[in-house]
Amino acid sequence: MRTALALLLLGTSLPGAALGQSAEILQPPLTLPETLRGTVRVPLAEPPSGIADTLPALFPALAACWALPSGLDGLKDLQITARFALRRDGTLIGTPRITFTAGTPDAAARSSLVRATLTSIRRCTPARITPALGRAIAGRPLALRLIDRGPER
């Protein structure tokens, strides 16, 4: 798989949203105390069907709409992180903010990557989540980290 994602929940741990034992822990591009980090790396596959009831189920659902912009598909190790919050019903609160990018050769490529990421977040929201997950994440800042490793050699 070329593309991976990570979703960071910035805040206290959530009931019923434990990280899977096989999850690979990534360090977020944000400075946070160790107790506030909850990161899972998940390879993108088929978009999940149904309603997300845990954070690990929400990760691929939010990233399913993301596609690398044309012209950037030959680059290696592209990364972007967007911070945003969701309401209980899965709709966005405010405008997502890009907090980190890496791997773009120039400002035009970075701008294209940012536009594609913000468009994908808008396209994937409202997120299909259960009422319990909605109550747990409502208003809490989330950081969606998307990583494209580039062409396989």
C-alpha atoms as a PDB file:
ATOM      1  CA  MET A   1       0.000   0.000   0.000  1.00  0.00           C
ATOM      2  CA  ARG A   2       1.296   3.435  -0.875  1.00  0.00           C
ATOM      3  CA  THR A   3      -0.919   5.523   1.328  1.00  0.00           C
ATOM      4  CA  ALA A   4      -1.380   5.493   5.071  1.00  0.00           C
ATOM      5  CA  LEU A   5      -3.195   7.743   7.464  1.00  0.00           C
ATOM      6  CA  ALA A   6      -3.206   8.587  11.088  1.00  0.00           C
ATOM      7  CA  LEU A   7      -5.889  10.282  13.111  1.00  0.00           C
ATOM      8  CA  LEU A   8      -4.811  11.987  16.271  1.00  0.00           C
ATOM      9  CA  LEU A   9      -7.244  12.713  19.044  1.00  0.00           C
ATOM     10  CA  LEU A  10      -5.994  15.651  21.009  1.00  0.00           C
ATOM     11  CA  GLY A  11      -7.409  15.480  24.501  1.00  0.00           C
ATOM     12  CA  THR A  12      -8.148  12.931  27.160  1.00  0.00           C
ATOM     13  CA  SER A  13      -8.747   9.289  26.358  1.00  0.00           C
ATOM     14  CA  LEU A  14     -12.214   8.303  25.255  1.00  0.00           C
ATOM     15  CA  PRO A  15     -14.306   5.531  26.764  1.00  0.00           C
ATOM     16  CA  GLY A  16     -14.841   2.654  24.357  1.00  0.00           C
ATOM     17  CA  ALA A  17     -12.290   3.975  21.855  1.00  0.00           C
ATOM     18  CA  ALA A  18      -9.199   1.995  22.808  1.00  0.00           C
ATOM     19  CA  LEU A  19      -6.454   1.601  20.250  1.00  0.00           C
ATOM     20  CA  GLY A  20      -6.069  -1.829  18.685  1.00  0.00           C
ATOM     21  CA  GLN A  21      -3.151  -3.943  19.864  1.00  0.00           C
ATOM     22  CA  SER A  22      -1.779  -4.246  16.339  1.00  0.00           C
ATOM     23  CA  ALA A  23      -1.810  -0.487  15.747  1.00  0.00           C
ATOM     24  CA  GLU A  24       1.492   1.230  15.080  1.00  0.00           C
ATOM     25  CA  ILE A  25       2.020   4.319  17.188  1.00  0.00           C
ATOM     26  CA  LEU A  26       3.150   7.448  15.311  1.00  0.00           C
ATOM     27  CA  GLN A  27       4.430  10.642  16.819  1.00  0.00           C
ATOM     28  CA  PRO A  28       2.227  13.572  15.857  1.00  0.00           C
ATOM     29  CA  PRO A  29       3.769  16.684  14.348  1.00  0.00           C
ATOM     30  CA  LEU A  30       2.458  18.566  17.383  1.00  0.00           C
ATOM     31  CA  THR A  31       4.064  19.030  20.766  1.00  0.00           C
ATOM     32  CA  LEU A  32       1.828  17.288  23.279  1.00  0.00           C
ATOM     33  CA  PRO A  33       2.356  15.571  26.608  1.00  0.00           C
ATOM     34  CA  GLU A  34       2.612  11.793  26.173  1.00  0.00           C
ATOM     35  CA  THR A  35      -0.687  11.279  28.021  1.00  0.00           C
ATOM     36  CA  LEU A  36      -2.583  13.331  25.402  1.00  0.00           C
ATOM     37  CA  ARG A  37      -1.449  11.353  22.363  1.00  0.00           C
ATOM     38  CA  GLY A  38      -3.666   8.758  20.784  1.00  0.00           C
ATOM     39  CA  THR A  39      -2.423   7.883  17.311  1.00  0.00           C
ATOM     40  CA  VAL A  40      -3.055   4.913  15.094  1.00  0.00           C
ATOM     41  CA  ARG A  41      -1.548   4.193  11.691  1.00  0.00           C
ATOM     42  CA  VAL A  42      -3.902   2.429   9.320  1.00  0.00           C
ATOM     43  CA  PRO A  43      -3.260   1.431   5.683  1.00  0.00           C
ATOM     44  CA  LEU A  44      -6.009   2.670   3.403  1.00  0.00           C
ATOM     45  CA  ALA A  45      -8.062  -0.035   1.809  1.00  0.00           C
ATOM     46  CA  GLU A  46     -11.712  -0.102   0.896  1.00  0.00           C
ATOM     47  CA  PRO A  47     -13.775   2.670   2.466  1.00  0.00           C
ATOM     48  CA  PRO A  48     -15.660   1.204   5.391  1.00  0.00           C
ATOM     49  CA  SER A  49     -19.339   0.596   5.048  1.00  0.00           C
ATOM     50  CA  GLY A  50     -21.672   1.324   7.878  1.00  0.00           C
ATOM     51  CA  ILE A  51     -21.424   3.647  10.820  1.00  0.00           C
ATOM     52  CA  ALA A  52     -18.202   4.217  12.782  1.00  0.00           C
ATOM     53  CA  ASP A  53     -18.538   3.368  16.474  1.00  0.00           C
ATOM     54  CA  THR A  54     -14.870   3.743  17.519  1.00  0.00           C
ATOM     55  CA  LEU A  55     -11.994   6.022  16.589  1.00  0.00           C
ATOM     56  CA  PRO A  56     -10.153   3.254  14.685  1.00  0.00           C
ATOM     57  CA  ALA A  57     -13.315   2.813  12.590  1.00  0.00           C
ATOM     58  CA  LEU A  58     -13.568   6.574  12.009  1.00  0.00           C
ATOM     59  CA  PHE A  59     -10.004   6.911  10.657  1.00  0.00           C
ATOM     60  CA  PRO A  60     -10.475   5.191   7.288  1.00  0.00           C
ATOM     61  CA  ALA A  61     -13.938   6.713   6.895  1.00  0.00           C
ATOM     62  CA  LEU A  62     -12.501  10.232   7.060  1.00  0.00           C
ATOM     63  CA  ALA A  63      -9.573   9.418   4.778  1.00  0.00           C
ATOM     64  CA  ALA A  64     -11.598   7.480   2.199  1.00  0.00           C
ATOM     65  CA  CYS A  65     -12.332  10.645   0.209  1.00  0.00           C
ATOM     66  CA  TRP A  66      -8.704  11.805   0.079  1.00  0.00           C
ATOM     67  CA  ALA A  67      -6.988  11.538  -3.267  1.00  0.00           C
ATOM     68  CA  LEU A  68      -3.551  12.808  -4.175  1.00  0.00           C
ATOM     69  CA  PRO A  69      -3.858  15.826  -6.509  1.00  0.00           C
ATOM     70  CA  SER A  70      -2.735  15.306 -10.087  1.00  0.00           C
ATOM     71  CA  GLY A  71       0.859  16.317 -10.608  1.00  0.00           C
ATOM     72  CA  LEU A  72       1.925  15.150  -7.153  1.00  0.00           C
ATOM     73  CA  ASP A  73       1.548  11.405  -7.740  1.00  0.00           C
ATOM     74  CA  GLY A  74       5.240  10.948  -8.597  1.00  0.00           C
ATOM     75  CA  LEU A  75       6.486  12.544  -5.378  1.00  0.00           C
ATOM     76  CA  LYS A  76       7.686  10.528  -2.417  1.00  0.00           C
ATOM     77  CA  ASP A  77       6.766  10.846   1.284  1.00  0.00           C
ATOM     78  CA  LEU A  78       4.070  13.510   1.083  1.00  0.00           C
ATOM     79  CA  GLN A  79       2.521  14.284   4.471  1.00  0.00           C
ATOM     80  CA  ILE A  80      -0.215  16.628   5.583  1.00  0.00           C
ATOM     81  CA  THR A  81      -2.048  17.083   8.874  1.00  0.00           C
ATOM     82  CA  ALA A  82      -5.378  18.866   9.277  1.00  0.00           C
ATOM     83  CA  ARG A  83      -6.927  19.801  12.643  1.00  0.00           C
ATOM     84  CA  PHE A  84     -10.673  20.073  13.012  1.00  0.00           C
ATOM     85  CA  ALA A  85     -13.549  19.237  15.324  1.00  0.00           C
ATOM     86  CA  LEU A  86     -16.822  17.446  14.748  1.00  0.00           C
ATOM     87  CA  ARG A  87     -20.254  17.898  16.266  1.00  0.00           C
ATOM     88  CA  ARG A  88     -22.211  14.992  17.743  1.00  0.00           C
ATOM     89  CA  ASP A  89     -23.861  14.409  14.371  1.00  0.00           C
ATOM     90  CA  GLY A  90     -20.504  14.213  12.537  1.00  0.00           C
ATOM     91  CA  THR A  91     -20.631  17.663  10.903  1.00  0.00           C
ATOM     92  CA  LEU A  92     -17.632  19.980  10.931  1.00  0.00           C
ATOM     93  CA  ILE A  93     -17.275  22.727  13.502  1.00  0.00           C
ATOM     94  CA  GLY A  94     -15.622  25.662  11.751  1.00  0.00           C
ATOM     95  CA  THR A  95     -12.958  25.382   9.094  1.00  0.00           C
ATOM     96  CA  PRO A  96     -10.213  22.729   9.269  1.00  0.00           C
ATOM     97  CA  ARG A  97      -6.684  24.073   9.734  1.00  0.00           C
ATOM     98  CA  ILE A  98      -3.598  22.641   8.106  1.00  0.00           C
ATOM     99  CA  THR A  99      -0.953  22.289  10.802  1.00  0.00           C
ATOM    100  CA  PHE A 100       1.790  20.369   9.002  1.00  0.00           C
ATOM    101  CA  THR A 101       2.969  19.564   5.480  1.00  0.00           C
ATOM    102  CA  ALA A 102       6.096  17.832   4.234  1.00  0.00           C
ATOM    103  CA  GLY A 103       7.452  16.520   0.953  1.00  0.00           C
ATOM    104  CA  THR A 104       6.156  19.197  -1.416  1.00  0.00           C
ATOM    105  CA  PRO A 105       8.848  20.704  -3.659  1.00  0.00           C
ATOM    106  CA  ASP A 106       7.340  24.205  -3.928  1.00  0.00           C
ATOM    107  CA  ALA A 107       4.522  26.508  -2.805  1.00  0.00           C
ATOM    108  CA  ALA A 108       2.266  25.565  -5.732  1.00  0.00           C
ATOM    109  CA  ALA A 109       2.485  21.858  -4.894  1.00  0.00           C
ATOM    110  CA  ARG A 110       1.830  22.586  -1.220  1.00  0.00           C
ATOM    111  CA  SER A 111      -1.191  24.717  -2.118  1.00  0.00           C
ATOM    112  CA  SER A 112      -2.565  21.933  -4.315  1.00  0.00           C
ATOM    113  CA  LEU A 113      -2.109  19.383  -1.512  1.00  0.00           C
ATOM    114  CA  VAL A 114      -3.811  21.682   1.014  1.00  0.00           C
ATOM    115  CA  ARG A 115      -6.790  22.300  -1.311  1.00  0.00           C
ATOM    116  CA  ALA A 116      -7.205  18.580  -1.987  1.00  0.00           C
ATOM    117  CA  THR A 117      -7.086  17.761   1.728  1.00  0.00           C
ATOM    118  CA  LEU A 118      -9.602  20.432   2.752  1.00  0.00           C
ATOM    119  CA  THR A 119     -11.917  19.390  -0.081  1.00  0.00           C
ATOM    120  CA  SER A 120     -11.736  15.748   0.988  1.00  0.00           C
ATOM    121  CA  ILE A 121     -12.597  16.599   4.600  1.00  0.00           C
ATOM    122  CA  ARG A 122     -15.631  18.579   3.457  1.00  0.00           C
ATOM    123  CA  ARG A 123     -16.640  15.729   1.122  1.00  0.00           C
ATOM    124  CA  CYS A 124     -16.388  13.110   3.896  1.00  0.00           C
ATOM    125  CA  THR A 125     -18.427  15.073   6.413  1.00  0.00           C
ATOM    126  CA  PRO A 126     -20.819  14.675   7.982  1.00  0.00           C
ATOM    127  CA  ALA A 127     -19.050  11.565   9.217  1.00  0.00           C
ATOM    128  CA  ARG A 128     -21.289   8.563   9.782  1.00  0.00           C
ATOM    129  CA  ILE A 129     -20.823   7.949  13.508  1.00  0.00           C
ATOM    130  CA  THR A 130     -22.845   6.382  16.289  1.00  0.00           C
ATOM    131  CA  PRO A 131     -24.446   8.617  18.927  1.00  0.00           C
ATOM    132  CA  ALA A 132     -22.007   7.269  21.549  1.00  0.00           C
ATOM    133  CA  LEU A 133     -18.938   8.146  19.457  1.00  0.00           C
ATOM    134  CA  GLY A 134     -20.510  11.502  18.620  1.00  0.00           C
ATOM    135  CA  ARG A 135     -20.886  12.307  22.321  1.00  0.00           C
ATOM    136  CA  ALA A 136     -17.302  11.233  22.987  1.00  0.00           C
ATOM    137  CA  ILE A 137     -15.637  13.330  20.257  1.00  0.00           C
ATOM    138  CA  ALA A 138     -18.004  16.300  19.994  1.00  0.00           C
ATOM    139  CA  GLY A 139     -16.033  19.524  20.067  1.00  0.00           C
ATOM    140  CA  ARG A 140     -12.694  17.822  20.702  1.00  0.00           C
ATOM    141  CA  PRO A 141      -9.869  18.700  18.334  1.00  0.00           C
ATOM    142  CA  LEU A 142      -8.957  15.904  15.935  1.00  0.00           C
ATOM    143  CA  ALA A 143      -5.907  15.838  13.690  1.00  0.00           C
ATOM    144  CA  LEU A 144      -6.062  13.810  10.504  1.00  0.00           C
ATOM    145  CA  ARG A 145      -2.578  12.956   9.228  1.00  0.00           C
ATOM    146  CA  LEU A 146      -2.370  11.671   5.669  1.00  0.00           C
ATOM    147  CA  ILE A 147       0.844  10.158   4.342  1.00  0.00           C
ATOM    148  CA  ASP A 148       1.597   9.126   0.755  1.00  0.00           C
ATOM    149  CA  ARG A 149       4.832   7.129   0.511  1.00  0.00           C
ATOM    150  CA  GLY A 150       5.072   7.628  -3.255  1.00  0.00           C
ATOM    151  CA  PRO A 151       5.533   5.218  -6.117  1.00  0.00           C
ATOM    152  CA  GLU A 152       6.567   1.708  -5.209  1.00  0.00           C
ATOM    153  CA  ARG A 153       9.948   0.830  -6.584  1.00  0.00           C
END
